């Protein structure tokens, strides 16, 4: 499963935010944070596990979930790469606009 597919759903992003801020949590603790059925939350947890964004360990009958930092680093690196590309494009656009502005100012001065 693709990490970005998993991240596309707001509840799944919220699960990641909870785990990032609170650390390990049981399925029931996570479910308690949502106004949907525990089964619905369980499905979201499964998607996140399949995308390798979270891990699960069993402690008796409880399932304890934690964020997978390695997979999250992959998402972070992709976001940084895209941000860098867009920054370069915006910088180039800014330079082109400034050059155009200077050219127009010169043209007005010559008229």
Protein backbone atom coordinates (compact mmCIF):
# COMPACT_ATOMS: atom_id res chain seq x y z
CA UNK A 1 0.00 0.00 0.00
CA UNK A 2 1.23 3.47 -0.88
CA UNK A 3 1.96 5.85 2.01
CA UNK A 4 0.33 8.75 0.18
CA UNK A 5 -2.86 6.80 -0.36
CA UNK A 6 -2.93 6.12 3.38
CA UNK A 7 -2.27 9.79 4.17
CA UNK A 8 -5.06 10.99 1.87
CA UNK A 9 -7.71 10.27 4.50
CA UNK A 10 -8.05 12.87 7.31
CA UNK A 11 -8.78 10.31 10.05
CA UNK A 12 -5.63 8.39 9.21
CA UNK A 13 -3.60 11.59 9.37
CA UNK A 14 -5.17 12.25 12.76
CA UNK A 15 -4.13 8.79 13.96
CA UNK A 16 -0.55 9.58 12.95
CA UNK A 17 -0.74 12.92 14.75
CA UNK A 18 -1.96 11.18 17.90
CA UNK A 19 0.81 8.61 17.80
CA UNK A 20 3.44 11.25 17.05
CA UNK A 21 2.35 13.42 19.97
CA UNK A 22 1.50 10.74 22.56
CA UNK A 23 3.67 7.80 21.64
CA UNK A 24 2.37 4.23 21.74
CA UNK A 25 -1.39 3.87 22.09
CA UNK A 26 -3.79 0.96 22.28
CA UNK A 27 -6.47 0.50 19.65
CA UNK A 28 -9.13 1.40 22.23
CA UNK A 29 -7.30 4.60 23.18
CA UNK A 30 -7.11 5.59 19.52
CA UNK A 31 -10.77 4.68 18.94
CA UNK A 32 -11.76 6.87 21.87
CA UNK A 33 -10.47 9.89 19.99
CA UNK A 34 -12.94 9.47 17.12
CA UNK A 35 -16.70 9.67 16.70
CA UNK A 36 -16.81 6.61 14.45
CA UNK A 37 -17.10 2.95 15.35
CA UNK A 38 -14.08 1.04 16.65
CA UNK A 39 -14.39 -1.13 13.53
CA UNK A 40 -13.98 1.93 11.30
CA UNK A 41 -10.91 3.00 13.26
CA UNK A 42 -9.57 -0.55 13.00
CA UNK A 43 -9.86 -0.35 9.21
CA UNK A 44 -7.90 2.91 9.21
CA UNK A 45 -5.25 1.33 11.42
CA UNK A 46 -4.98 -1.58 8.99
CA UNK A 47 -4.44 0.77 6.05
CA UNK A 48 -1.73 2.61 7.99
CA UNK A 49 -0.08 -0.71 8.88
CA UNK A 50 -0.20 -1.93 5.27
CA UNK A 51 1.46 1.34 4.22
CA UNK A 52 4.09 0.67 6.91
CA UNK A 53 3.43 4.05 8.52
CA UNK A 54 2.63 2.44 11.88
CA UNK A 55 3.52 -0.79 13.62
CA UNK A 56 1.45 -2.98 15.93
CA UNK A 57 2.46 -5.24 18.77
CA UNK A 58 0.24 -7.48 20.82
CA UNK A 59 0.25 -7.27 24.59
CA UNK A 60 -2.14 -10.01 25.62
CA UNK A 61 -5.51 -9.08 24.15
CA UNK A 62 -4.44 -5.48 23.50
CA UNK A 63 -3.00 -4.17 20.28
CA UNK A 64 -0.50 -1.38 20.78
CA UNK A 65 0.28 0.93 17.87
CA UNK A 66 3.30 3.14 17.29
CA UNK A 67 4.43 5.38 14.49
CA UNK A 68 7.08 3.98 12.12
CA UNK A 69 9.71 6.74 11.96
CA UNK A 70 11.58 5.24 9.00
CA UNK A 71 8.53 5.30 6.74
CA UNK A 72 7.61 8.77 7.92
CA UNK A 73 11.12 9.93 6.99
CA UNK A 74 10.45 8.77 3.43
CA UNK A 75 7.33 10.94 3.31
CA UNK A 76 9.28 13.87 4.80
CA UNK A 77 12.08 13.51 2.25
CA UNK A 78 9.60 13.47 -0.63
CA UNK A 79 7.85 16.58 0.72
CA UNK A 80 11.19 18.37 1.11
CA UNK A 81 12.17 17.47 -2.45
CA UNK A 82 8.90 18.81 -3.87
CA UNK A 83 9.14 21.93 -1.68
CA UNK A 84 12.67 22.55 -2.95
CA UNK A 85 11.57 22.22 -6.58
CA UNK A 86 8.70 24.65 -6.06
CA UNK A 87 10.94 27.10 -4.21
CA UNK A 88 13.35 27.13 -7.14
CA UNK A 89 10.48 27.69 -9.55
CA UNK A 90 9.07 30.55 -7.44
CA UNK A 91 12.57 32.08 -7.17
CA UNK A 92 12.92 31.92 -10.96
CA UNK A 93 9.48 33.45 -11.39
CA UNK A 94 10.39 36.23 -8.95
CA UNK A 95 13.56 36.96 -10.89
CA UNK A 96 11.67 37.01 -14.19
CA UNK A 97 9.05 39.38 -12.79
CA UNK A 98 11.72 41.66 -11.36
CA UNK A 99 13.54 41.69 -14.70
CA UNK A 100 10.26 42.49 -16.49
CA UNK A 101 9.56 45.28 -14.00
CA UNK A 102 13.00 46.81 -14.59
CA UNK A 103 12.55 46.56 -18.37
CA UNK A 104 9.20 48.36 -18.14
CA UNK A 105 10.68 51.06 -15.92
CA UNK A 106 13.51 51.62 -18.42
CA UNK A 107 11.04 51.74 -21.29
CA UNK A 108 8.90 54.35 -19.50
CA UNK A 109 12.01 56.43 -18.82
CA UNK A 110 13.00 56.30 -22.49
CA UNK A 111 9.55 57.43 -23.69
